């Protein structure tokens, strides 16, 4: 495998220097802080990522206050108390994107969040206590027990909620292959995911970097060389 120092040096060169790269990495996430996150914010972020999948993100962001109002602030218990008519009417509610399957996922995920919360004393606490070196296991749990939380949606949910997550983007996967990791161009098999987890853990242990930063450095080391200001805006920095 190529050394991570070499990968980082290439990313820094592409972005205009180590100082620029460091700014683009952002603040390291702290999984422990998620323990205080309320269930309504968890469900809101799940819904945001689900509705954003395959859609223009800025449209969803612009309409989000309407989503919050339509879905009762994403309070799981309040949503679970609503009759079928409430959910049927949302399919015609102009405050949101009227996708019946995604609307149904909010109902399903309200039950998911509520069940996990009652078992662990809060869904945020559940996320905070999940081992940081087993993101693939957490992704599998979300996909198995949640609704429409598999694949990239689950990864983006973890990243946006503040969990120390890597995102297996096209560029990250390409960088891993270029570094010598034997994975497919679109690594979705259990074997490929396990190899990615192992390699990211190895670099995290060796460098002291969080997994989010490792993911971003890999993605910035290859592929289209987006301008730093474009990346900063995309990441909300």
C-alpha atoms as a PDB file:
ATOM      1  CA  UNK A   1       0.000   0.000   0.000  1.00  0.00           C
ATOM      2  CA  UNK A   2       1.061   3.542  -0.700  1.00  0.00           C
ATOM      3  CA  UNK A   3       1.764   5.488   2.486  1.00  0.00           C
ATOM      4  CA  UNK A   4      -0.941   7.817   3.723  1.00  0.00           C
ATOM      5  CA  UNK A   5       1.679  10.565   4.005  1.00  0.00           C
ATOM      6  CA  UNK A   6       2.151  10.383   0.233  1.00  0.00           C
ATOM      7  CA  UNK A   7      -1.609  10.500  -0.346  1.00  0.00           C
ATOM      8  CA  UNK A   8      -1.933  13.539   1.922  1.00  0.00           C
ATOM      9  CA  UNK A   9       0.954  15.292   0.199  1.00  0.00           C
ATOM     10  CA  UNK A  10      -0.738  14.771  -3.174  1.00  0.00           C
ATOM     11  CA  UNK A  11      -4.039  16.122  -1.857  1.00  0.00           C
ATOM     12  CA  UNK A  12      -2.295  19.185  -0.393  1.00  0.00           C
ATOM     13  CA  UNK A  13      -0.498  19.854  -3.677  1.00  0.00           C
ATOM     14  CA  UNK A  14      -3.760  19.663  -5.603  1.00  0.00           C
ATOM     15  CA  UNK A  15      -5.531  22.061  -3.234  1.00  0.00           C
ATOM     16  CA  UNK A  16      -2.803  24.679  -2.993  1.00  0.00           C
ATOM     17  CA  UNK A  17      -0.877  23.669   0.084  1.00  0.00           C
ATOM     18  CA  UNK A  18      -1.166  22.050   3.494  1.00  0.00           C
ATOM     19  CA  UNK A  19      -2.810  25.099   5.071  1.00  0.00           C
ATOM     20  CA  UNK A  20      -5.613  25.064   2.502  1.00  0.00           C
ATOM     21  CA  UNK A  21      -6.050  21.320   2.912  1.00  0.00           C
ATOM     22  CA  UNK A  22      -6.230  21.641   6.690  1.00  0.00           C
ATOM     23  CA  UNK A  23      -8.986  24.258   6.395  1.00  0.00           C
ATOM     24  CA  UNK A  24     -10.948  22.032   4.024  1.00  0.00           C
ATOM     25  CA  UNK A  25     -10.856  19.125   6.456  1.00  0.00           C
ATOM     26  CA  UNK A  26     -12.979  21.000   8.967  1.00  0.00           C
ATOM     27  CA  UNK A  27     -13.348  20.362  12.696  1.00  0.00           C
ATOM     28  CA  UNK A  28     -12.923  16.722  13.736  1.00  0.00           C
ATOM     29  CA  UNK A  29     -16.251  15.201  14.784  1.00  0.00           C
ATOM     30  CA  UNK A  30     -16.768  13.922  18.316  1.00  0.00           C
ATOM     31  CA  UNK A  31     -19.009  10.856  18.510  1.00  0.00           C
ATOM     32  CA  UNK A  32     -19.456  11.275  22.266  1.00  0.00           C
ATOM     33  CA  UNK A  33     -21.340  14.544  21.721  1.00  0.00           C
ATOM     34  CA  UNK A  34     -24.111  12.672  19.939  1.00  0.00           C
ATOM     35  CA  UNK A  35     -25.284  11.245  23.259  1.00  0.00           C
ATOM     36  CA  UNK A  36     -27.121  14.508  23.972  1.00  0.00           C
ATOM     37  CA  UNK A  37     -28.746  14.747  20.544  1.00  0.00           C
ATOM     38  CA  UNK A  38     -32.528  14.494  20.739  1.00  0.00           C
ATOM     39  CA  UNK A  39     -34.548  11.940  18.801  1.00  0.00           C
ATOM     40  CA  UNK A  40     -36.372  14.582  16.757  1.00  0.00           C
ATOM     41  CA  UNK A  41     -33.050  15.904  15.384  1.00  0.00           C
ATOM     42  CA  UNK A  42     -31.971  12.363  14.562  1.00  0.00           C
ATOM     43  CA  UNK A  43     -35.175  11.688  12.630  1.00  0.00           C
ATOM     44  CA  UNK A  44     -35.001  15.091  10.935  1.00  0.00           C
ATOM     45  CA  UNK A  45     -31.516  14.341   9.609  1.00  0.00           C
ATOM     46  CA  UNK A  46     -32.560  10.875   8.468  1.00  0.00           C
ATOM     47  CA  UNK A  47     -35.422  12.434   6.519  1.00  0.00           C
ATOM     48  CA  UNK A  48     -33.203  15.173   5.093  1.00  0.00           C
ATOM     49  CA  UNK A  49     -30.763  12.678   3.696  1.00  0.00           C
ATOM     50  CA  UNK A  50     -33.511  10.407   2.347  1.00  0.00           C
ATOM     51  CA  UNK A  51     -35.327  13.245   0.575  1.00  0.00           C
ATOM     52  CA  UNK A  52     -32.007  14.620  -0.733  1.00  0.00           C
ATOM     53  CA  UNK A  53     -31.028  11.291  -2.306  1.00  0.00           C
ATOM     54  CA  UNK A  54     -31.385  11.587  -6.066  1.00  0.00           C
ATOM     55  CA  UNK A  55     -32.598  15.178  -5.735  1.00  0.00           C
ATOM     56  CA  UNK A  56     -31.032  18.636  -5.846  1.00  0.00           C
ATOM     57  CA  UNK A  57     -29.846  19.228  -2.283  1.00  0.00           C
ATOM     58  CA  UNK A  58     -30.334  22.991  -2.319  1.00  0.00           C
ATOM     59  CA  UNK A  59     -34.023  22.536  -3.193  1.00  0.00           C
ATOM     60  CA  UNK A  60     -34.518  20.311  -0.154  1.00  0.00           C
ATOM     61  CA  UNK A  61     -32.581  22.740   2.057  1.00  0.00           C
ATOM     62  CA  UNK A  62     -34.721  25.667   0.868  1.00  0.00           C
ATOM     63  CA  UNK A  63     -37.932  23.775   1.633  1.00  0.00           C
ATOM     64  CA  UNK A  64     -36.767  22.331   4.940  1.00  0.00           C
ATOM     65  CA  UNK A  65     -38.715  24.696   7.232  1.00  0.00           C
ATOM     66  CA  UNK A  66     -41.832  23.400   5.486  1.00  0.00           C
ATOM     67  CA  UNK A  67     -40.719  19.827   6.087  1.00  0.00           C
ATOM     68  CA  UNK A  68     -40.232  20.565   9.787  1.00  0.00           C
ATOM     69  CA  UNK A  69     -43.739  21.984  10.061  1.00  0.00           C
ATOM     70  CA  UNK A  70     -45.401  19.276   7.984  1.00  0.00           C
ATOM     71  CA  UNK A  71     -43.753  16.470   9.960  1.00  0.00           C
ATOM     72  CA  UNK A  72     -44.505  17.999  13.393  1.00  0.00           C
ATOM     73  CA  UNK A  73     -40.888  18.847  14.107  1.00  0.00           C
ATOM     74  CA  UNK A  74     -39.959  15.206  13.482  1.00  0.00           C
ATOM     75  CA  UNK A  75     -40.904  14.234  17.025  1.00  0.00           C
ATOM     76  CA  UNK A  76     -41.126  10.421  16.726  1.00  0.00           C
ATOM     77  CA  UNK A  77     -43.821   9.866  19.370  1.00  0.00           C
ATOM     78  CA  UNK A  78     -46.026  12.616  17.932  1.00  0.00           C
ATOM     79  CA  UNK A  79     -45.713  11.157  14.438  1.00  0.00           C
ATOM     80  CA  UNK A  80     -46.448   7.627  15.596  1.00  0.00           C
ATOM     81  CA  UNK A  81     -49.659   8.903  17.180  1.00  0.00           C
ATOM     82  CA  UNK A  82     -50.957  10.219  13.840  1.00  0.00           C
ATOM     83  CA  UNK A  83     -53.671   8.322  11.935  1.00  0.00           C
ATOM     84  CA  UNK A  84     -53.334   7.027   8.389  1.00  0.00           C
ATOM     85  CA  UNK A  85     -55.129  10.112   7.079  1.00  0.00           C
ATOM     86  CA  UNK A  86     -52.297  12.343   8.294  1.00  0.00           C
ATOM     87  CA  UNK A  87     -49.783  10.435   6.188  1.00  0.00           C
ATOM     88  CA  UNK A  88     -52.106  10.236   3.207  1.00  0.00           C
ATOM     89  CA  UNK A  89     -52.594  14.017   3.241  1.00  0.00           C
ATOM     90  CA  UNK A  90     -48.832  14.637   3.246  1.00  0.00           C
ATOM     91  CA  UNK A  91     -48.669  13.250  -0.290  1.00  0.00           C
ATOM     92  CA  UNK A  92     -50.507  16.408  -1.384  1.00  0.00           C
ATOM     93  CA  UNK A  93     -48.725  18.858   0.956  1.00  0.00           C
ATOM     94  CA  UNK A  94     -46.932  21.521  -1.093  1.00  0.00           C
ATOM     95  CA  UNK A  95     -44.604  22.362   1.803  1.00  0.00           C
ATOM     96  CA  UNK A  96     -42.608  19.192   1.100  1.00  0.00           C
ATOM     97  CA  UNK A  97     -41.421  17.073  -1.815  1.00  0.00           C
ATOM     98  CA  UNK A  98     -44.426  14.839  -2.377  1.00  0.00           C
ATOM     99  CA  UNK A  99     -42.797  11.438  -2.773  1.00  0.00           C
ATOM    100  CA  UNK A 100     -45.059   8.776  -1.200  1.00  0.00           C
ATOM    101  CA  UNK A 101     -42.283   6.234  -0.660  1.00  0.00           C
ATOM    102  CA  UNK A 102     -40.042   8.760   1.094  1.00  0.00           C
ATOM    103  CA  UNK A 103     -42.950  10.075   3.157  1.00  0.00           C
ATOM    104  CA  UNK A 104     -43.634   6.497   4.258  1.00  0.00           C
ATOM    105  CA  UNK A 105     -39.983   6.144   5.270  1.00  0.00           C
ATOM    106  CA  UNK A 106     -40.429   8.947   7.813  1.00  0.00           C
ATOM    107  CA  UNK A 107     -43.210   6.993   9.464  1.00  0.00           C
ATOM    108  CA  UNK A 108     -41.147   3.811   9.468  1.00  0.00           C
ATOM    109  CA  UNK A 109     -38.050   5.578  10.762  1.00  0.00           C
ATOM    110  CA  UNK A 110     -40.048   7.286  13.515  1.00  0.00           C
ATOM    111  CA  UNK A 111     -40.774   3.797  14.841  1.00  0.00           C
ATOM    112  CA  UNK A 112     -37.136   2.772  14.318  1.00  0.00           C
ATOM    113  CA  UNK A 113     -35.786   5.792  16.202  1.00  0.00           C
ATOM    114  CA  UNK A 114     -38.327   5.389  18.998  1.00  0.00           C
ATOM    115  CA  UNK A 115     -37.545   1.688  19.460  1.00  0.00           C
ATOM    116  CA  UNK A 116     -33.786   2.217  19.586  1.00  0.00           C
ATOM    117  CA  UNK A 117     -34.209   5.233  21.862  1.00  0.00           C
ATOM    118  CA  UNK A 118     -36.248   3.301  24.401  1.00  0.00           C
ATOM    119  CA  UNK A 119     -33.682   0.493  24.408  1.00  0.00           C
ATOM    120  CA  UNK A 120     -30.581   2.681  24.709  1.00  0.00           C
ATOM    121  CA  UNK A 121     -31.807   5.789  26.498  1.00  0.00           C
ATOM    122  CA  UNK A 122     -31.760   7.865  23.315  1.00  0.00           C
ATOM    123  CA  UNK A 123     -30.863   7.220  19.701  1.00  0.00           C
ATOM    124  CA  UNK A 124     -28.004   9.685  20.063  1.00  0.00           C
ATOM    125  CA  UNK A 125     -26.569   7.636  22.907  1.00  0.00           C
ATOM    126  CA  UNK A 126     -26.834   4.532  20.727  1.00  0.00           C
ATOM    127  CA  UNK A 127     -24.772   6.272  18.032  1.00  0.00           C
ATOM    128  CA  UNK A 128     -22.268   7.633  20.558  1.00  0.00           C
ATOM    129  CA  UNK A 129     -21.643   4.173  22.011  1.00  0.00           C
ATOM    130  CA  UNK A 130     -21.235   2.352  18.689  1.00  0.00           C
ATOM    131  CA  UNK A 131     -17.521   1.485  18.169  1.00  0.00           C
ATOM    132  CA  UNK A 132     -15.849   4.102  15.996  1.00  0.00           C
ATOM    133  CA  UNK A 133     -13.873   1.413  14.159  1.00  0.00           C
ATOM    134  CA  UNK A 134     -17.005  -0.404  12.954  1.00  0.00           C
ATOM    135  CA  UNK A 135     -18.791   2.007  10.645  1.00  0.00           C
ATOM    136  CA  UNK A 136     -19.596  -0.828   8.243  1.00  0.00           C
ATOM    137  CA  UNK A 137     -21.435  -2.639  11.023  1.00  0.00           C
ATOM    138  CA  UNK A 138     -23.380   0.505  11.888  1.00  0.00           C
ATOM    139  CA  UNK A 139     -24.268   1.041   8.228  1.00  0.00           C
ATOM    140  CA  UNK A 140     -25.565  -2.532   8.044  1.00  0.00           C
ATOM    141  CA  UNK A 141     -27.656  -1.961  11.172  1.00  0.00           C
ATOM    142  CA  UNK A 142     -29.207   1.200   9.759  1.00  0.00           C
ATOM    143  CA  UNK A 143     -29.952  -0.502   6.449  1.00  0.00           C
ATOM    144  CA  UNK A 144     -31.464  -3.569   8.119  1.00  0.00           C
ATOM    145  CA  UNK A 145     -33.621  -1.865  10.743  1.00  0.00           C
ATOM    146  CA  UNK A 146     -34.299   1.546   9.213  1.00  0.00           C
ATOM    147  CA  UNK A 147     -36.096   2.541   6.025  1.00  0.00           C
ATOM    148  CA  UNK A 148     -34.166   3.739   2.954  1.00  0.00           C
ATOM    149  CA  UNK A 149     -30.988   4.151   5.027  1.00  0.00           C
ATOM    150  CA  UNK A 150     -28.775   1.810   3.050  1.00  0.00           C
ATOM    151  CA  UNK A 151     -25.865   2.677   0.759  1.00  0.00           C
ATOM    152  CA  UNK A 152     -24.719   6.269   0.462  1.00  0.00           C
ATOM    153  CA  UNK A 153     -27.792   7.594   2.294  1.00  0.00           C
ATOM    154  CA  UNK A 154     -26.724   5.880   5.503  1.00  0.00           C
ATOM    155  CA  UNK A 155     -23.173   7.171   5.114  1.00  0.00           C
ATOM    156  CA  UNK A 156     -24.338  10.741   4.542  1.00  0.00           C
ATOM    157  CA  UNK A 157     -26.711  10.486   7.498  1.00  0.00           C
ATOM    158  CA  UNK A 158     -23.813   9.548   9.766  1.00  0.00           C
ATOM    159  CA  UNK A 159     -21.619  12.333   8.366  1.00  0.00           C
ATOM    160  CA  UNK A 160     -24.303  15.022   8.639  1.00  0.00           C
ATOM    161  CA  UNK A 161     -25.400  13.970  12.119  1.00  0.00           C
ATOM    162  CA  UNK A 162     -21.823  14.393  13.352  1.00  0.00           C
ATOM    163  CA  UNK A 163     -20.614  10.797  13.586  1.00  0.00           C
ATOM    164  CA  UNK A 164     -16.987  10.288  12.538  1.00  0.00           C
ATOM    165  CA  UNK A 165     -17.845   8.717   9.192  1.00  0.00           C
ATOM    166  CA  UNK A 166     -16.058   8.081   5.928  1.00  0.00           C
ATOM    167  CA  UNK A 167     -18.063   8.296   2.717  1.00  0.00           C
ATOM    168  CA  UNK A 168     -17.190   5.806   0.009  1.00  0.00           C
ATOM    169  CA  UNK A 169     -17.533   8.247  -2.856  1.00  0.00           C
ATOM    170  CA  UNK A 170     -16.294   7.503  -6.351  1.00  0.00           C
ATOM    171  CA  UNK A 171     -13.120   9.508  -5.662  1.00  0.00           C
ATOM    172  CA  UNK A 172     -12.457   7.863  -2.294  1.00  0.00           C
ATOM    173  CA  UNK A 173     -12.833   4.414  -3.826  1.00  0.00           C
ATOM    174  CA  UNK A 174     -10.550   5.405  -6.722  1.00  0.00           C
ATOM    175  CA  UNK A 175      -7.927   6.726  -4.307  1.00  0.00           C
ATOM    176  CA  UNK A 176      -8.000   3.488  -2.333  1.00  0.00           C
ATOM    177  CA  UNK A 177      -7.511   1.443  -5.490  1.00  0.00           C
ATOM    178  CA  UNK A 178      -4.674   3.711  -6.632  1.00  0.00           C
ATOM    179  CA  UNK A 179      -3.049   3.242  -3.226  1.00  0.00           C
ATOM    180  CA  UNK A 180      -3.113  -0.533  -3.711  1.00  0.00           C
ATOM    181  CA  UNK A 181      -6.294  -1.722  -1.994  1.00  0.00           C
ATOM    182  CA  UNK A 182      -7.914  -4.561  -3.929  1.00  0.00           C
ATOM    183  CA  UNK A 183     -11.546  -3.445  -4.206  1.00  0.00           C
ATOM    184  CA  UNK A 184     -14.067  -3.114  -7.024  1.00  0.00           C
ATOM    185  CA  UNK A 185     -14.689   0.160  -8.836  1.00  0.00           C
ATOM    186  CA  UNK A 186     -18.026   0.303  -7.009  1.00  0.00           C
ATOM    187  CA  UNK A 187     -17.213  -1.433  -3.712  1.00  0.00           C
ATOM    188  CA  UNK A 188     -20.474  -2.696  -2.259  1.00  0.00           C
ATOM    189  CA  UNK A 189     -19.707  -6.336  -1.410  1.00  0.00           C
ATOM    190  CA  UNK A 190     -19.160  -7.363   2.206  1.00  0.00           C
ATOM    191  CA  UNK A 191     -15.573  -8.233   1.404  1.00  0.00           C
ATOM    192  CA  UNK A 192     -14.805  -4.856  -0.179  1.00  0.00           C
ATOM    193  CA  UNK A 193     -16.482  -2.969   2.647  1.00  0.00           C
ATOM    194  CA  UNK A 194     -14.529  -4.958   5.227  1.00  0.00           C
ATOM    195  CA  UNK A 195     -11.254  -4.178   3.402  1.00  0.00           C
ATOM    196  CA  UNK A 196     -12.095  -0.475   3.311  1.00  0.00           C
ATOM    197  CA  UNK A 197     -12.928  -0.455   7.018  1.00  0.00           C
ATOM    198  CA  UNK A 198      -9.699  -2.244   7.872  1.00  0.00           C
ATOM    199  CA  UNK A 199      -7.563   0.128   5.803  1.00  0.00           C
ATOM    200  CA  UNK A 200      -9.218   3.276   7.167  1.00  0.00           C
ATOM    201  CA  UNK A 201      -8.771   1.937  10.705  1.00  0.00           C
ATOM    202  CA  UNK A 202      -5.106   1.242  10.007  1.00  0.00           C
ATOM    203  CA  UNK A 203      -4.531   4.800   8.816  1.00  0.00           C
ATOM    204  CA  UNK A 204      -6.543   6.244  11.713  1.00  0.00           C
ATOM    205  CA  UNK A 205      -4.375   4.358  14.203  1.00  0.00           C
ATOM    206  CA  UNK A 206      -1.145   5.290  12.407  1.00  0.00           C
ATOM    207  CA  UNK A 207      -1.865   8.986  11.835  1.00  0.00           C
ATOM    208  CA  UNK A 208      -4.189   9.940  14.684  1.00  0.00           C
ATOM    209  CA  UNK A 209      -6.564  11.445  12.131  1.00  0.00           C
ATOM    210  CA  UNK A 210     -10.302  10.987  12.417  1.00  0.00           C
ATOM    211  CA  UNK A 211     -11.985   8.853   9.785  1.00  0.00           C
ATOM    212  CA  UNK A 212     -13.846  11.819   8.319  1.00  0.00           C
ATOM    213  CA  UNK A 213     -10.549  13.547   7.581  1.00  0.00           C
ATOM    214  CA  UNK A 214      -9.025  10.404   6.114  1.00  0.00           C
ATOM    215  CA  UNK A 215     -12.025  10.096   3.824  1.00  0.00           C
ATOM    216  CA  UNK A 216     -11.792  13.715   2.690  1.00  0.00           C
ATOM    217  CA  UNK A 217      -8.037  13.531   2.076  1.00  0.00           C
ATOM    218  CA  UNK A 218      -8.473  10.425  -0.050  1.00  0.00           C
ATOM    219  CA  UNK A 219     -11.250  12.039  -2.083  1.00  0.00           C
ATOM    220  CA  UNK A 220      -9.215  15.215  -2.623  1.00  0.00           C
ATOM    221  CA  UNK A 221      -6.139  13.281  -3.746  1.00  0.00           C
ATOM    222  CA  UNK A 222      -7.617  12.156  -7.076  1.00  0.00           C
ATOM    223  CA  UNK A 223     -10.391  12.780  -9.585  1.00  0.00           C
ATOM    224  CA  UNK A 224     -11.701  16.197 -10.591  1.00  0.00           C
ATOM    225  CA  UNK A 225      -9.736  18.870  -8.754  1.00  0.00           C
ATOM    226  CA  UNK A 226     -12.547  21.048  -7.424  1.00  0.00           C
ATOM    227  CA  UNK A 227     -11.606  24.551  -6.306  1.00  0.00           C
ATOM    228  CA  UNK A 228     -11.155  24.906  -2.520  1.00  0.00           C
ATOM    229  CA  UNK A 229     -13.969  27.464  -2.236  1.00  0.00           C
ATOM    230  CA  UNK A 230     -16.321  25.100  -4.066  1.00  0.00           C
ATOM    231  CA  UNK A 231     -15.486  22.277  -1.678  1.00  0.00           C
ATOM    232  CA  UNK A 232     -15.823  24.532   1.363  1.00  0.00           C
ATOM    233  CA  UNK A 233     -19.305  25.590   0.274  1.00  0.00           C
ATOM    234  CA  UNK A 234     -20.302  21.980  -0.397  1.00  0.00           C
ATOM    235  CA  UNK A 235     -19.154  20.892   3.048  1.00  0.00           C
ATOM    236  CA  UNK A 236     -20.776  23.852   4.780  1.00  0.00           C
ATOM    237  CA  UNK A 237     -17.466  25.161   6.099  1.00  0.00           C
END
